[in-house]
N, C-alpha and C. Protein backbone atom coordinates (compact mmCIF):
# COMPACT_ATOMS: atom_id res chain seq x y z
N MET A 1 -23.54 -3.31 3.85
CA MET A 1 -22.14 -3.41 3.49
C MET A 1 -21.88 -2.62 2.22
N PHE A 2 -20.65 -2.14 2.10
CA PHE A 2 -20.22 -1.40 0.92
C PHE A 2 -19.01 -2.12 0.35
N HIS A 3 -19.07 -2.42 -0.96
CA HIS A 3 -18.02 -3.18 -1.62
C HIS A 3 -17.42 -2.35 -2.75
N ILE A 4 -16.10 -2.39 -2.83
CA ILE A 4 -15.42 -1.79 -3.98
C ILE A 4 -14.25 -2.68 -4.35
N ASN A 5 -14.11 -2.89 -5.65
CA ASN A 5 -12.99 -3.64 -6.20
C ASN A 5 -12.24 -2.69 -7.12
N VAL A 6 -10.93 -2.69 -7.02
CA VAL A 6 -10.13 -1.75 -7.80
C VAL A 6 -9.03 -2.50 -8.53
N TRP A 7 -9.03 -2.40 -9.86
CA TRP A 7 -7.93 -2.93 -10.64
C TRP A 7 -6.87 -1.84 -10.76
N LEU A 8 -5.64 -2.21 -10.49
CA LEU A 8 -4.50 -1.31 -10.65
C LEU A 8 -3.53 -1.97 -11.61
N THR A 9 -3.00 -1.22 -12.54
CA THR A 9 -2.00 -1.73 -13.47
C THR A 9 -0.76 -0.87 -13.38
N ALA A 10 0.36 -1.49 -13.06
CA ALA A 10 1.62 -0.75 -12.98
C ALA A 10 1.94 -0.18 -14.36
N ASN A 11 2.28 1.10 -14.39
CA ASN A 11 2.57 1.77 -15.65
C ASN A 11 3.93 1.37 -16.21
N ASP A 12 4.82 0.89 -15.35
CA ASP A 12 6.18 0.53 -15.74
C ASP A 12 6.55 -0.76 -15.00
N GLU A 13 7.01 -1.75 -15.73
CA GLU A 13 7.35 -3.03 -15.10
C GLU A 13 8.40 -2.90 -14.00
N THR A 14 9.26 -1.90 -14.10
CA THR A 14 10.31 -1.75 -13.08
C THR A 14 9.75 -1.32 -11.73
N THR A 15 8.51 -0.82 -11.71
CA THR A 15 7.92 -0.36 -10.44
C THR A 15 7.08 -1.44 -9.75
N ILE A 16 6.94 -2.62 -10.36
CA ILE A 16 6.10 -3.67 -9.79
C ILE A 16 6.49 -4.00 -8.35
N PRO A 17 7.76 -4.21 -8.02
CA PRO A 17 8.09 -4.51 -6.62
C PRO A 17 7.70 -3.39 -5.66
N ARG A 18 7.85 -2.15 -6.09
CA ARG A 18 7.49 -1.01 -5.23
C ARG A 18 5.98 -0.94 -5.04
N VAL A 19 5.22 -1.14 -6.11
CA VAL A 19 3.76 -1.14 -6.01
C VAL A 19 3.32 -2.23 -5.04
N ARG A 20 3.89 -3.41 -5.16
CA ARG A 20 3.55 -4.53 -4.28
C ARG A 20 3.84 -4.20 -2.82
N GLU A 21 5.00 -3.62 -2.58
CA GLU A 21 5.38 -3.23 -1.21
C GLU A 21 4.41 -2.19 -0.64
N LEU A 22 4.10 -1.17 -1.41
CA LEU A 22 3.20 -0.12 -0.95
C LEU A 22 1.79 -0.65 -0.71
N LEU A 23 1.32 -1.54 -1.58
CA LEU A 23 -0.02 -2.11 -1.38
C LEU A 23 -0.05 -2.96 -0.11
N GLY A 24 1.03 -3.63 0.20
CA GLY A 24 1.10 -4.37 1.47
C GLY A 24 0.92 -3.44 2.66
N GLN A 25 1.53 -2.26 2.59
CA GLN A 25 1.36 -1.27 3.65
C GLN A 25 -0.10 -0.81 3.72
N CYS A 26 -0.71 -0.62 2.56
CA CYS A 26 -2.11 -0.20 2.51
C CYS A 26 -3.02 -1.28 3.12
N VAL A 27 -2.74 -2.53 2.81
CA VAL A 27 -3.54 -3.63 3.35
C VAL A 27 -3.48 -3.61 4.87
N ARG A 28 -2.27 -3.58 5.41
CA ARG A 28 -2.11 -3.63 6.88
C ARG A 28 -2.77 -2.43 7.55
N GLY A 29 -2.59 -1.25 7.00
CA GLY A 29 -3.19 -0.05 7.59
C GLY A 29 -4.71 -0.05 7.50
N SER A 30 -5.23 -0.44 6.36
CA SER A 30 -6.68 -0.42 6.15
C SER A 30 -7.39 -1.44 7.02
N ARG A 31 -6.80 -2.62 7.14
CA ARG A 31 -7.42 -3.66 7.97
C ARG A 31 -7.55 -3.24 9.42
N ALA A 32 -6.71 -2.34 9.88
CA ALA A 32 -6.75 -1.88 11.27
C ALA A 32 -7.81 -0.81 11.50
N GLU A 33 -8.41 -0.30 10.44
CA GLU A 33 -9.39 0.78 10.56
C GLU A 33 -10.76 0.26 11.00
N ASP A 34 -11.41 1.07 11.83
CA ASP A 34 -12.79 0.77 12.22
C ASP A 34 -13.66 0.80 10.97
N GLY A 35 -14.51 -0.17 10.82
CA GLY A 35 -15.40 -0.22 9.67
C GLY A 35 -14.91 -1.10 8.55
N CYS A 36 -13.64 -1.52 8.60
CA CYS A 36 -13.11 -2.40 7.57
C CYS A 36 -13.52 -3.83 7.86
N VAL A 37 -14.25 -4.43 6.94
CA VAL A 37 -14.67 -5.83 7.06
C VAL A 37 -13.67 -6.72 6.34
N ARG A 38 -13.21 -6.26 5.17
CA ARG A 38 -12.25 -7.01 4.38
C ARG A 38 -11.44 -6.04 3.54
N PHE A 39 -10.14 -6.30 3.47
CA PHE A 39 -9.28 -5.51 2.59
C PHE A 39 -8.14 -6.42 2.16
N ASP A 40 -8.18 -6.83 0.89
CA ASP A 40 -7.16 -7.72 0.36
C ASP A 40 -6.59 -7.13 -0.92
N ALA A 41 -5.33 -7.43 -1.18
CA ALA A 41 -4.69 -7.05 -2.43
C ALA A 41 -4.14 -8.32 -3.07
N PHE A 42 -4.39 -8.46 -4.35
CA PHE A 42 -3.94 -9.62 -5.10
C PHE A 42 -3.09 -9.16 -6.28
N GLN A 43 -2.06 -9.94 -6.60
CA GLN A 43 -1.27 -9.69 -7.80
C GLN A 43 -1.56 -10.81 -8.80
N SER A 44 -1.86 -10.46 -10.01
CA SER A 44 -2.18 -11.44 -11.05
C SER A 44 -0.96 -12.27 -11.40
N GLU A 45 -1.16 -13.57 -11.49
CA GLU A 45 -0.09 -14.45 -11.97
C GLU A 45 -0.01 -14.42 -13.49
N ALA A 46 -1.14 -14.14 -14.15
CA ALA A 46 -1.17 -14.07 -15.61
C ALA A 46 -0.49 -12.81 -16.13
N ASP A 47 -0.64 -11.71 -15.39
CA ASP A 47 -0.03 -10.43 -15.77
C ASP A 47 0.44 -9.75 -14.49
N PRO A 48 1.72 -9.91 -14.12
CA PRO A 48 2.23 -9.38 -12.85
C PRO A 48 2.10 -7.87 -12.68
N ARG A 49 1.81 -7.15 -13.75
CA ARG A 49 1.61 -5.70 -13.63
C ARG A 49 0.25 -5.37 -13.03
N ARG A 50 -0.67 -6.35 -13.00
CA ARG A 50 -2.05 -6.13 -12.56
C ARG A 50 -2.24 -6.53 -11.10
N PHE A 51 -2.89 -5.65 -10.36
CA PHE A 51 -3.23 -5.88 -8.96
C PHE A 51 -4.72 -5.64 -8.79
N LEU A 52 -5.31 -6.37 -7.85
CA LEU A 52 -6.73 -6.21 -7.55
C LEU A 52 -6.90 -5.95 -6.07
N LEU A 53 -7.55 -4.85 -5.73
CA LEU A 53 -7.93 -4.56 -4.35
C LEU A 53 -9.37 -4.99 -4.16
N VAL A 54 -9.63 -5.78 -3.15
CA VAL A 54 -10.99 -6.24 -2.82
C VAL A 54 -11.31 -5.69 -1.44
N GLU A 55 -12.25 -4.77 -1.40
CA GLU A 55 -12.57 -4.08 -0.14
C GLU A 55 -14.04 -4.25 0.21
N THR A 56 -14.28 -4.52 1.48
CA THR A 56 -15.64 -4.50 2.03
C THR A 56 -15.61 -3.65 3.28
N TRP A 57 -16.49 -2.67 3.31
CA TRP A 57 -16.60 -1.76 4.45
C TRP A 57 -17.99 -1.93 5.06
N ARG A 58 -18.09 -1.68 6.33
CA ARG A 58 -19.37 -1.78 7.04
C ARG A 58 -20.41 -0.88 6.39
N SER A 59 -19.98 0.30 5.90
CA SER A 59 -20.89 1.23 5.24
C SER A 59 -20.10 2.13 4.29
N ARG A 60 -20.81 2.79 3.43
CA ARG A 60 -20.15 3.76 2.53
C ARG A 60 -19.51 4.88 3.35
N GLU A 61 -20.13 5.25 4.44
CA GLU A 61 -19.58 6.29 5.31
C GLU A 61 -18.22 5.86 5.87
N ASP A 62 -18.10 4.58 6.25
CA ASP A 62 -16.80 4.07 6.73
C ASP A 62 -15.75 4.16 5.63
N TRP A 63 -16.14 3.86 4.40
CA TRP A 63 -15.22 3.96 3.27
C TRP A 63 -14.83 5.42 3.03
N ASP A 64 -15.81 6.33 3.15
CA ASP A 64 -15.51 7.75 2.99
C ASP A 64 -14.51 8.22 4.05
N ILE A 65 -14.67 7.76 5.27
CA ILE A 65 -13.72 8.11 6.34
C ILE A 65 -12.35 7.51 6.03
N HIS A 66 -12.33 6.27 5.54
CA HIS A 66 -11.07 5.61 5.16
C HIS A 66 -10.26 6.47 4.20
N LYS A 67 -10.93 7.13 3.27
CA LYS A 67 -10.24 7.94 2.27
C LYS A 67 -9.55 9.16 2.88
N THR A 68 -9.87 9.50 4.14
CA THR A 68 -9.22 10.63 4.81
C THR A 68 -8.09 10.18 5.74
N ARG A 69 -7.93 8.88 5.89
CA ARG A 69 -6.94 8.33 6.82
C ARG A 69 -5.54 8.31 6.21
N GLU A 70 -4.56 8.15 7.08
CA GLU A 70 -3.15 8.20 6.69
C GLU A 70 -2.78 7.17 5.63
N THR A 71 -3.36 5.99 5.69
CA THR A 71 -3.04 4.96 4.70
C THR A 71 -3.33 5.46 3.29
N VAL A 72 -4.42 6.18 3.13
CA VAL A 72 -4.79 6.70 1.82
C VAL A 72 -4.03 7.99 1.51
N THR A 73 -3.98 8.90 2.47
CA THR A 73 -3.43 10.23 2.21
C THR A 73 -1.90 10.27 2.16
N LYS A 74 -1.25 9.30 2.81
CA LYS A 74 0.22 9.33 2.85
C LYS A 74 0.87 8.20 2.04
N ILE A 75 0.10 7.16 1.74
CA ILE A 75 0.68 6.05 0.97
C ILE A 75 -0.02 5.90 -0.38
N TYR A 76 -1.32 5.60 -0.36
CA TYR A 76 -2.03 5.25 -1.59
C TYR A 76 -2.05 6.39 -2.62
N VAL A 77 -2.53 7.55 -2.22
CA VAL A 77 -2.65 8.65 -3.19
C VAL A 77 -1.30 9.19 -3.64
N PRO A 78 -0.39 9.54 -2.73
CA PRO A 78 0.85 10.15 -3.21
C PRO A 78 1.89 9.17 -3.74
N GLN A 79 1.85 7.90 -3.29
CA GLN A 79 2.92 6.99 -3.67
C GLN A 79 2.49 5.89 -4.65
N VAL A 80 1.27 5.37 -4.49
CA VAL A 80 0.81 4.29 -5.37
C VAL A 80 0.23 4.87 -6.67
N LEU A 81 -0.70 5.79 -6.55
CA LEU A 81 -1.42 6.27 -7.74
C LEU A 81 -0.52 6.81 -8.86
N PRO A 82 0.60 7.48 -8.56
CA PRO A 82 1.46 7.92 -9.67
C PRO A 82 2.09 6.76 -10.46
N LEU A 83 2.11 5.57 -9.87
CA LEU A 83 2.77 4.42 -10.49
C LEU A 83 1.82 3.51 -11.26
N VAL A 84 0.51 3.77 -11.18
CA VAL A 84 -0.47 2.83 -11.72
C VAL A 84 -1.57 3.54 -12.50
N THR A 85 -2.30 2.75 -13.26
CA THR A 85 -3.57 3.16 -13.84
C THR A 85 -4.64 2.49 -13.00
N ARG A 86 -5.65 3.25 -12.58
CA ARG A 86 -6.66 2.78 -11.62
C ARG A 86 -8.01 2.62 -12.30
N GLU A 87 -8.65 1.48 -12.01
CA GLU A 87 -9.98 1.20 -12.55
C GLU A 87 -10.88 0.73 -11.40
N PRO A 88 -11.61 1.66 -10.74
CA PRO A 88 -12.44 1.29 -9.60
C PRO A 88 -13.82 0.78 -10.02
N HIS A 89 -14.33 -0.16 -9.23
CA HIS A 89 -15.67 -0.70 -9.47
C HIS A 89 -16.41 -0.81 -8.14
N ILE A 90 -17.30 0.13 -7.86
CA ILE A 90 -18.19 -0.04 -6.72
C ILE A 90 -19.11 -1.18 -7.11
N SER A 91 -19.28 -2.15 -6.21
CA SER A 91 -19.90 -3.42 -6.59
C SER A 91 -21.01 -3.82 -5.64
N THR A 92 -21.85 -4.71 -6.12
CA THR A 92 -22.90 -5.33 -5.33
C THR A 92 -22.59 -6.81 -5.24
N LEU A 93 -22.64 -7.34 -4.04
CA LEU A 93 -22.37 -8.77 -3.82
C LEU A 93 -23.49 -9.61 -4.41
N VAL A 94 -23.11 -10.60 -5.18
CA VAL A 94 -24.08 -11.53 -5.75
C VAL A 94 -24.17 -12.73 -4.82
N GLU A 95 -25.37 -13.00 -4.35
CA GLU A 95 -25.57 -14.12 -3.42
C GLU A 95 -26.54 -15.11 -3.98
């Protein structure tokens, strides 16, 4: 399994609803992809500007393919990334 967690922080409070809407589209699109085991987006209650993406892919190769798909190329990169600061963490599951 391949795990990545990504913290996103909205750069402007006025864009929070748009970021939330776009991340919902990313969640739905990503979950439909082959190789996606888990894809969730969370909004912090302590700081509404902060979002957390929790992703688990069958393999790193599946994640690499995901990055070429429409959800990433038409929504995440061109529409979400300009609105946020991104902090990715490739992670290992602690069991």
